[in-house]
Amino acid sequence: MTLNTLGYKLNEMYTNAPKGDSVAMIHLFGIKYANEIKESNFSKKDIISQSGISKSYETELSKGIKLSKYVILKNNLN
């Protein structure tokens, strides 16, 4: 997956999040795309920057990636 695609998907999930769930969507992005992120050469900082969301959310993305070891998605979110 390209940096552009990861950034786009993160932005889409963040922007289209239900009211009050934007940070949860960053976590969910990290959970859903953890393997792609880990296998890529892109840093979390690069992905956040490409997405256009605030740099302060890098920690939230890291939390989602860590949670991916313990969480199974209930349904397939696009």
PDB file of N, CA and C in Angstrom:
ATOM      1  N   MET A   1       0.846  -1.174   0.000  1.00  0.00           N
ATOM      2  CA  MET A   1       0.000   0.000   0.000  1.00  0.00           C
ATOM      3  C   MET A   1       0.894   1.240   0.000  1.00  0.00           C
ATOM      4  N   THR A   2       0.525   2.220  -0.762  1.00  0.00           N
ATOM      5  CA  THR A   2       1.342   3.433  -0.871  1.00  0.00           C
ATOM      6  C   THR A   2       1.075   4.382   0.295  1.00  0.00           C
ATOM      7  N   LEU A   3       2.002   5.298   0.495  1.00  0.00           N
ATOM      8  CA  LEU A   3       1.835   6.329   1.512  1.00  0.00           C
ATOM      9  C   LEU A   3       0.594   7.158   1.207  1.00  0.00           C
ATOM     10  N   ASN A   4       0.391   7.456  -0.048  1.00  0.00           N
ATOM     11  CA  ASN A   4      -0.771   8.233  -0.467  1.00  0.00           C
ATOM     12  C   ASN A   4      -2.073   7.533  -0.072  1.00  0.00           C
ATOM     13  N   THR A   5      -2.138   6.235  -0.311  1.00  0.00           N
ATOM     14  CA  THR A   5      -3.332   5.461   0.004  1.00  0.00           C
ATOM     15  C   THR A   5      -3.573   5.406   1.507  1.00  0.00           C
ATOM     16  N   LEU A   6      -2.523   5.141   2.278  1.00  0.00           N
ATOM     17  CA  LEU A   6      -2.668   5.108   3.736  1.00  0.00           C
ATOM     18  C   LEU A   6      -3.136   6.461   4.267  1.00  0.00           C
ATOM     19  N   GLY A   7      -2.538   7.533   3.778  1.00  0.00           N
ATOM     20  CA  GLY A   7      -2.938   8.871   4.208  1.00  0.00           C
ATOM     21  C   GLY A   7      -4.380   9.176   3.856  1.00  0.00           C
ATOM     22  N   TYR A   8      -4.771   8.784   2.648  1.00  0.00           N
ATOM     23  CA  TYR A   8      -6.146   9.014   2.200  1.00  0.00           C
ATOM     24  C   TYR A   8      -7.137   8.254   3.087  1.00  0.00           C
ATOM     25  N   LYS A   9      -6.849   6.989   3.356  1.00  0.00           N
ATOM     26  CA  LYS A   9      -7.758   6.164   4.154  1.00  0.00           C
ATOM     27  C   LYS A   9      -7.872   6.684   5.578  1.00  0.00           C
ATOM     28  N   LEU A  10      -6.754   7.117   6.158  1.00  0.00           N
ATOM     29  CA  LEU A  10      -6.795   7.688   7.503  1.00  0.00           C
ATOM     30  C   LEU A  10      -7.627   8.957   7.516  1.00  0.00           C
ATOM     31  N   ASN A  11      -7.395   9.826   6.549  1.00  0.00           N
ATOM     32  CA  ASN A  11      -8.164  11.064   6.470  1.00  0.00           C
ATOM     33  C   ASN A  11      -9.648  10.776   6.308  1.00  0.00           C
ATOM     34  N   GLU A  12      -9.975   9.829   5.472  1.00  0.00           N
ATOM     35  CA  GLU A  12     -11.370   9.466   5.229  1.00  0.00           C
ATOM     36  C   GLU A  12     -12.044   8.943   6.502  1.00  0.00           C
ATOM     37  N   MET A  13     -11.368   8.061   7.217  1.00  0.00           N
ATOM     38  CA  MET A  13     -11.936   7.514   8.452  1.00  0.00           C
ATOM     39  C   MET A  13     -12.088   8.604   9.505  1.00  0.00           C
ATOM     40  N   TYR A  14     -11.104   9.475   9.622  1.00  0.00           N
ATOM     41  CA  TYR A  14     -11.144  10.565  10.604  1.00  0.00           C
ATOM     42  C   TYR A  14     -12.246  11.570  10.255  1.00  0.00           C
ATOM     43  N   THR A  15     -12.282  11.969   9.009  1.00  0.00           N
ATOM     44  CA  THR A  15     -13.235  12.989   8.568  1.00  0.00           C
ATOM     45  C   THR A  15     -14.676  12.500   8.628  1.00  0.00           C
ATOM     46  N   ASN A  16     -14.897  11.231   8.318  1.00  0.00           N
ATOM     47  CA  ASN A  16     -16.261  10.685   8.276  1.00  0.00           C
ATOM     48  C   ASN A  16     -16.687  10.013   9.580  1.00  0.00           C
ATOM     49  N   ALA A  17     -15.902  10.195  10.636  1.00  0.00           N
ATOM     50  CA  ALA A  17     -16.227   9.573  11.925  1.00  0.00           C
ATOM     51  C   ALA A  17     -17.513  10.156  12.496  1.00  0.00           C
ATOM     52  N   PRO A  18     -18.298   9.324  13.142  1.00  0.00           N
ATOM     53  CA  PRO A  18     -19.471   9.858  13.845  1.00  0.00           C
ATOM     54  C   PRO A  18     -19.011  10.868  14.890  1.00  0.00           C
ATOM     55  N   LYS A  19     -19.874  11.804  15.215  1.00  0.00           N
ATOM     56  CA  LYS A  19     -19.537  12.850  16.173  1.00  0.00           C
ATOM     57  C   LYS A  19     -19.013  12.235  17.472  1.00  0.00           C
ATOM     58  N   GLY A  20     -17.859  12.707  17.905  1.00  0.00           N
ATOM     59  CA  GLY A  20     -17.248  12.244  19.129  1.00  0.00           C
ATOM     60  C   GLY A  20     -16.379  11.003  18.977  1.00  0.00           C
ATOM     61  N   ASP A  21     -16.290  10.448  17.770  1.00  0.00           N
ATOM     62  CA  ASP A  21     -15.536   9.210  17.549  1.00  0.00           C
ATOM     63  C   ASP A  21     -14.301   9.387  16.677  1.00  0.00           C
ATOM     64  N   SER A  22     -13.866  10.599  16.431  1.00  0.00           N
ATOM     65  CA  SER A  22     -12.744  10.803  15.513  1.00  0.00           C
ATOM     66  C   SER A  22     -11.455  10.154  16.021  1.00  0.00           C
ATOM     67  N   VAL A  23     -11.173  10.242  17.312  1.00  0.00           N
ATOM     68  CA  VAL A  23      -9.958   9.626  17.848  1.00  0.00           C
ATOM     69  C   VAL A  23     -10.091   8.103  17.804  1.00  0.00           C
ATOM     70  N   ALA A  24     -11.271   7.602  18.077  1.00  0.00           N
ATOM     71  CA  ALA A  24     -11.500   6.150  17.987  1.00  0.00           C
ATOM     72  C   ALA A  24     -11.257   5.665  16.559  1.00  0.00           C
ATOM     73  N   MET A  25     -11.591   6.476  15.571  1.00  0.00           N
ATOM     74  CA  MET A  25     -11.359   6.087  14.176  1.00  0.00           C
ATOM     75  C   MET A  25      -9.871   6.044  13.837  1.00  0.00           C
ATOM     76  N   ILE A  26      -9.072   6.876  14.495  1.00  0.00           N
ATOM     77  CA  ILE A  26      -7.625   6.806  14.310  1.00  0.00           C
ATOM     78  C   ILE A  26      -7.114   5.485  14.885  1.00  0.00           C
ATOM     79  N   HIS A  27      -7.616   5.130  16.065  1.00  0.00           N
ATOM     80  CA  HIS A  27      -7.252   3.835  16.654  1.00  0.00           C
ATOM     81  C   HIS A  27      -7.673   2.704  15.728  1.00  0.00           C
ATOM     82  N   LEU A  28      -8.894   2.789  15.226  1.00  0.00           N
ATOM     83  CA  LEU A  28      -9.409   1.743  14.341  1.00  0.00           C
ATOM     84  C   LEU A  28      -8.574   1.636  13.070  1.00  0.00           C
ATOM     85  N   PHE A  29      -8.169   2.759  12.516  1.00  0.00           N
ATOM     86  CA  PHE A  29      -7.279   2.745  11.345  1.00  0.00           C
ATOM     87  C   PHE A  29      -5.996   1.986  11.681  1.00  0.00           C
ATOM     88  N   GLY A  30      -5.404   2.282  12.834  1.00  0.00           N
ATOM     89  CA  GLY A  30      -4.184   1.598  13.249  1.00  0.00           C
ATOM     90  C   GLY A  30      -4.379   0.102  13.404  1.00  0.00           C
ATOM     91  N   ILE A  31      -5.535  -0.286  13.935  1.00  0.00           N
ATOM     92  CA  ILE A  31      -5.851  -1.704  14.098  1.00  0.00           C
ATOM     93  C   ILE A  31      -6.025  -2.364  12.733  1.00  0.00           C
ATOM     94  N   LYS A  32      -6.825  -1.733  11.893  1.00  0.00           N
ATOM     95  CA  LYS A  32      -7.179  -2.314  10.595  1.00  0.00           C
ATOM     96  C   LYS A  32      -5.978  -2.424   9.656  1.00  0.00           C
ATOM     97  N   TYR A  33      -5.127  -1.426   9.655  1.00  0.00           N
ATOM     98  CA  TYR A  33      -4.019  -1.380   8.702  1.00  0.00           C
ATOM     99  C   TYR A  33      -2.649  -1.624   9.348  1.00  0.00           C
ATOM    100  N   ALA A  34      -2.630  -2.207  10.531  1.00  0.00           N
ATOM    101  CA  ALA A  34      -1.365  -2.417  11.254  1.00  0.00           C
ATOM    102  C   ALA A  34      -0.355  -3.202  10.427  1.00  0.00           C
ATOM    103  N   ASN A  35      -0.785  -4.275   9.799  1.00  0.00           N
ATOM    104  CA  ASN A  35       0.157  -5.085   9.015  1.00  0.00           C
ATOM    105  C   ASN A  35       0.739  -4.300   7.858  1.00  0.00           C
ATOM    106  N   GLU A  36      -0.102  -3.565   7.148  1.00  0.00           N
ATOM    107  CA  GLU A  36       0.377  -2.766   6.023  1.00  0.00           C
ATOM    108  C   GLU A  36       1.369  -1.700   6.497  1.00  0.00           C
ATOM    109  N   ILE A  37       1.071  -1.091   7.641  1.00  0.00           N
ATOM    110  CA  ILE A  37       1.941  -0.044   8.180  1.00  0.00           C
ATOM    111  C   ILE A  37       3.282  -0.652   8.591  1.00  0.00           C
ATOM    112  N   LYS A  38       3.236  -1.776   9.296  1.00  0.00           N
ATOM    113  CA  LYS A  38       4.468  -2.423   9.769  1.00  0.00           C
ATOM    114  C   LYS A  38       5.333  -2.910   8.610  1.00  0.00           C
ATOM    115  N   GLU A  39       4.702  -3.387   7.546  1.00  0.00           N
ATOM    116  CA  GLU A  39       5.453  -3.920   6.403  1.00  0.00           C
ATOM    117  C   GLU A  39       5.978  -2.828   5.469  1.00  0.00           C
ATOM    118  N   SER A  40       5.465  -1.617   5.629  1.00  0.00           N
ATOM    119  CA  SER A  40       5.896  -0.523   4.757  1.00  0.00           C
ATOM    120  C   SER A  40       7.147   0.139   5.324  1.00  0.00           C
ATOM    121  N   ASN A  41       7.716   1.022   4.533  1.00  0.00           N
ATOM    122  CA  ASN A  41       8.856   1.810   4.990  1.00  0.00           C
ATOM    123  C   ASN A  41       8.422   3.178   5.488  1.00  0.00           C
ATOM    124  N   PHE A  42       7.119   3.355   5.685  1.00  0.00           N
ATOM    125  CA  PHE A  42       6.596   4.662   6.087  1.00  0.00           C
ATOM    126  C   PHE A  42       6.491   4.751   7.604  1.00  0.00           C
ATOM    127  N   SER A  43       6.898   5.885   8.133  1.00  0.00           N
ATOM    128  CA  SER A  43       6.762   6.099   9.572  1.00  0.00           C
ATOM    129  C   SER A  43       5.330   6.540   9.882  1.00  0.00           C
ATOM    130  N   LYS A  44       4.972   6.426  11.138  1.00  0.00           N
ATOM    131  CA  LYS A  44       3.653   6.905  11.566  1.00  0.00           C
ATOM    132  C   LYS A  44       3.549   8.412  11.309  1.00  0.00           C
ATOM    133  N   LYS A  45       4.651   9.099  11.516  1.00  0.00           N
ATOM    134  CA  LYS A  45       4.702  10.540  11.262  1.00  0.00           C
ATOM    135  C   LYS A  45       4.396  10.842   9.795  1.00  0.00           C
ATOM    136  N   ASP A  46       4.966  10.050   8.873  1.00  0.00           N
ATOM    137  CA  ASP A  46       4.724  10.228   7.443  1.00  0.00           C
ATOM    138  C   ASP A  46       3.241  10.025   7.107  1.00  0.00           C
ATOM    139  N   ILE A  47       2.647   8.988   7.698  1.00  0.00           N
ATOM    140  CA  ILE A  47       1.243   8.671   7.405  1.00  0.00           C
ATOM    141  C   ILE A  47       0.331   9.776   7.922  1.00  0.00           C
ATOM    142  N   ILE A  48       0.583  10.234   9.148  1.00  0.00           N
ATOM    143  CA  ILE A  48      -0.212  11.323   9.724  1.00  0.00           C
ATOM    144  C   ILE A  48      -0.071  12.579   8.863  1.00  0.00           C
ATOM    145  N   SER A  49       1.143  12.894   8.481  1.00  0.00           N
ATOM    146  CA  SER A  49       1.394  14.078   7.653  1.00  0.00           C
ATOM    147  C   SER A  49       0.659  13.977   6.318  1.00  0.00           C
ATOM    148  N   GLN A  50       0.738  12.815   5.684  1.00  0.00           N
ATOM    149  CA  GLN A  50       0.071  12.609   4.393  1.00  0.00           C
ATOM    150  C   GLN A  50      -1.448  12.722   4.521  1.00  0.00           C
ATOM    151  N   SER A  51      -1.975  12.331   5.680  1.00  0.00           N
ATOM    152  CA  SER A  51      -3.433  12.357   5.873  1.00  0.00           C
ATOM    153  C   SER A  51      -3.970  13.775   6.039  1.00  0.00           C
ATOM    154  N   GLY A  52      -3.114  14.678   6.487  1.00  0.00           N
ATOM    155  CA  GLY A  52      -3.555  16.055   6.681  1.00  0.00           C
ATOM    156  C   GLY A  52      -4.178  16.316   8.043  1.00  0.00           C
ATOM    157  N   ILE A  53      -4.196  15.310   8.929  1.00  0.00           N
ATOM    158  CA  ILE A  53      -4.732  15.554  10.267  1.00  0.00           C
ATOM    159  C   ILE A  53      -3.603  16.045  11.164  1.00  0.00           C
ATOM    160  N   SER A  54      -3.938  16.493  12.349  1.00  0.00           N
ATOM    161  CA  SER A  54      -2.963  17.081  13.261  1.00  0.00           C
ATOM    162  C   SER A  54      -1.849  16.098  13.634  1.00  0.00           C
ATOM    163  N   LYS A  55      -0.631  16.617  13.686  1.00  0.00           N
ATOM    164  CA  LYS A  55       0.536  15.810  14.051  1.00  0.00           C
ATOM    165  C   LYS A  55       0.393  15.204  15.444  1.00  0.00           C
ATOM    166  N   SER A  56      -0.402  15.840  16.289  1.00  0.00           N
ATOM    167  CA  SER A  56      -0.560  15.360  17.664  1.00  0.00           C
ATOM    168  C   SER A  56      -1.235  13.992  17.732  1.00  0.00           C
ATOM    169  N   TYR A  57      -1.818  13.538  16.628  1.00  0.00           N
ATOM    170  CA  TYR A  57      -2.500  12.242  16.615  1.00  0.00           C
ATOM    171  C   TYR A  57      -1.563  11.064  16.350  1.00  0.00           C
ATOM    172  N   GLU A  58      -0.283  11.315  16.213  1.00  0.00           N
ATOM    173  CA  GLU A  58       0.677  10.230  15.978  1.00  0.00           C
ATOM    174  C   GLU A  58       0.631   9.206  17.112  1.00  0.00           C
ATOM    175  N   THR A  59       0.491   9.686  18.340  1.00  0.00           N
ATOM    176  CA  THR A  59       0.400   8.788  19.497  1.00  0.00           C
ATOM    177  C   THR A  59      -0.840   7.912  19.404  1.00  0.00           C
ATOM    178  N   GLU A  60      -1.941   8.482  18.945  1.00  0.00           N
ATOM    179  CA  GLU A  60      -3.184   7.713  18.825  1.00  0.00           C
ATOM    180  C   GLU A  60      -3.041   6.620  17.760  1.00  0.00           C
ATOM    181  N   LEU A  61      -2.348   6.916  16.689  1.00  0.00           N
ATOM    182  CA  LEU A  61      -2.097   5.909  15.659  1.00  0.00           C
ATOM    183  C   LEU A  61      -1.243   4.781  16.236  1.00  0.00           C
ATOM    184  N   SER A  62      -0.232   5.127  17.025  1.00  0.00           N
ATOM    185  CA  SER A  62       0.607   4.115  17.663  1.00  0.00           C
ATOM    186  C   SER A  62      -0.214   3.208  18.570  1.00  0.00           C
ATOM    187  N   LYS A  63      -1.151   3.787  19.293  1.00  0.00           N
ATOM    188  CA  LYS A  63      -2.018   2.989  20.172  1.00  0.00           C
ATOM    189  C   LYS A  63      -2.828   1.979  19.360  1.00  0.00           C
ATOM    190  N   GLY A  64      -3.367   2.419  18.240  1.00  0.00           N
ATOM    191  CA  GLY A  64      -4.144   1.516  17.390  1.00  0.00           C
ATOM    192  C   GLY A  64      -3.311   0.369  16.866  1.00  0.00           C
ATOM    193  N   ILE A  65      -2.096   0.672  16.446  1.00  0.00           N
ATOM    194  CA  ILE A  65      -1.207  -0.372  15.926  1.00  0.00           C
ATOM    195  C   ILE A  65      -0.895  -1.390  17.025  1.00  0.00           C
ATOM    196  N   LYS A  66      -0.634  -0.902  18.235  1.00  0.00           N
ATOM    197  CA  LYS A  66      -0.367  -1.817  19.350  1.00  0.00           C
ATOM    198  C   LYS A  66      -1.593  -2.654  19.684  1.00  0.00           C
ATOM    199  N   LEU A  67      -2.762  -2.050  19.644  1.00  0.00           N
ATOM    200  CA  LEU A  67      -3.996  -2.778  19.946  1.00  0.00           C
ATOM    201  C   LEU A  67      -4.284  -3.883  18.935  1.00  0.00           C
ATOM    202  N   SER A  68      -3.747  -3.750  17.742  1.00  0.00           N
ATOM    203  CA  SER A  68      -4.038  -4.734  16.687  1.00  0.00           C
ATOM    204  C   SER A  68      -3.638  -6.152  17.076  1.00  0.00           C
ATOM    205  N   LYS A  69      -2.709  -6.291  18.008  1.00  0.00           N
ATOM    206  CA  LYS A  69      -2.305  -7.623  18.470  1.00  0.00           C
ATOM    207  C   LYS A  69      -3.391  -8.291  19.308  1.00  0.00           C
ATOM    208  N   TYR A  70      -4.313  -7.488  19.827  1.00  0.00           N
ATOM    209  CA  TYR A  70      -5.292  -7.992  20.787  1.00  0.00           C
ATOM    210  C   TYR A  70      -6.743  -7.870  20.338  1.00  0.00           C
ATOM    211  N   VAL A  71      -6.976  -7.187  19.224  1.00  0.00           N
ATOM    212  CA  VAL A  71      -8.334  -6.858  18.807  1.00  0.00           C
ATOM    213  C   VAL A  71      -8.663  -7.520  17.474  1.00  0.00           C
ATOM    214  N   ILE A  72      -9.890  -7.994  17.358  1.00  0.00           N
ATOM    215  CA  ILE A  72     -10.400  -8.522  16.094  1.00  0.00           C
ATOM    216  C   ILE A  72     -11.575  -7.630  15.698  1.00  0.00           C
ATOM    217  N   LEU A  73     -11.564  -7.148  14.463  1.00  0.00           N
ATOM    218  CA  LEU A  73     -12.653  -6.292  13.999  1.00  0.00           C
ATOM    219  C   LEU A  73     -13.959  -7.073  13.940  1.00  0.00           C
ATOM    220  N   LYS A  74     -15.031  -6.454  14.377  1.00  0.00           N
ATOM    221  CA  LYS A  74     -16.334  -7.110  14.369  1.00  0.00           C
ATOM    222  C   LYS A  74     -16.930  -7.182  12.982  1.00  0.00           C
ATOM    223  N   ASN A  75     -16.702  -6.151  12.178  1.00  0.00           N
ATOM    224  CA  ASN A  75     -17.202  -6.153  10.805  1.00  0.00           C
ATOM    225  C   ASN A  75     -16.186  -5.478   9.911  1.00  0.00           C
ATOM    226  N   ASN A  76     -16.340  -5.675   8.630  1.00  0.00           N
ATOM    227  CA  ASN A  76     -15.384  -5.122   7.674  1.00  0.00           C
ATOM    228  C   ASN A  76     -15.741  -3.691   7.349  1.00  0.00           C
ATOM    229  N   LEU A  77     -14.936  -2.757   7.824  1.00  0.00           N
ATOM    230  CA  LEU A  77     -15.144  -1.337   7.523  1.00  0.00           C
ATOM    231  C   LEU A  77     -14.275  -0.966   6.335  1.00  0.00           C
ATOM    232  N   ASN A  78     -14.810  -0.274   5.374  1.00  0.00           N
ATOM    233  CA  ASN A  78     -14.045   0.127   4.192  1.00  0.00           C
ATOM    234  C   ASN A  78     -13.245   1.356   4.454  1.00  0.00           C
TER     235      ASN A  78
END
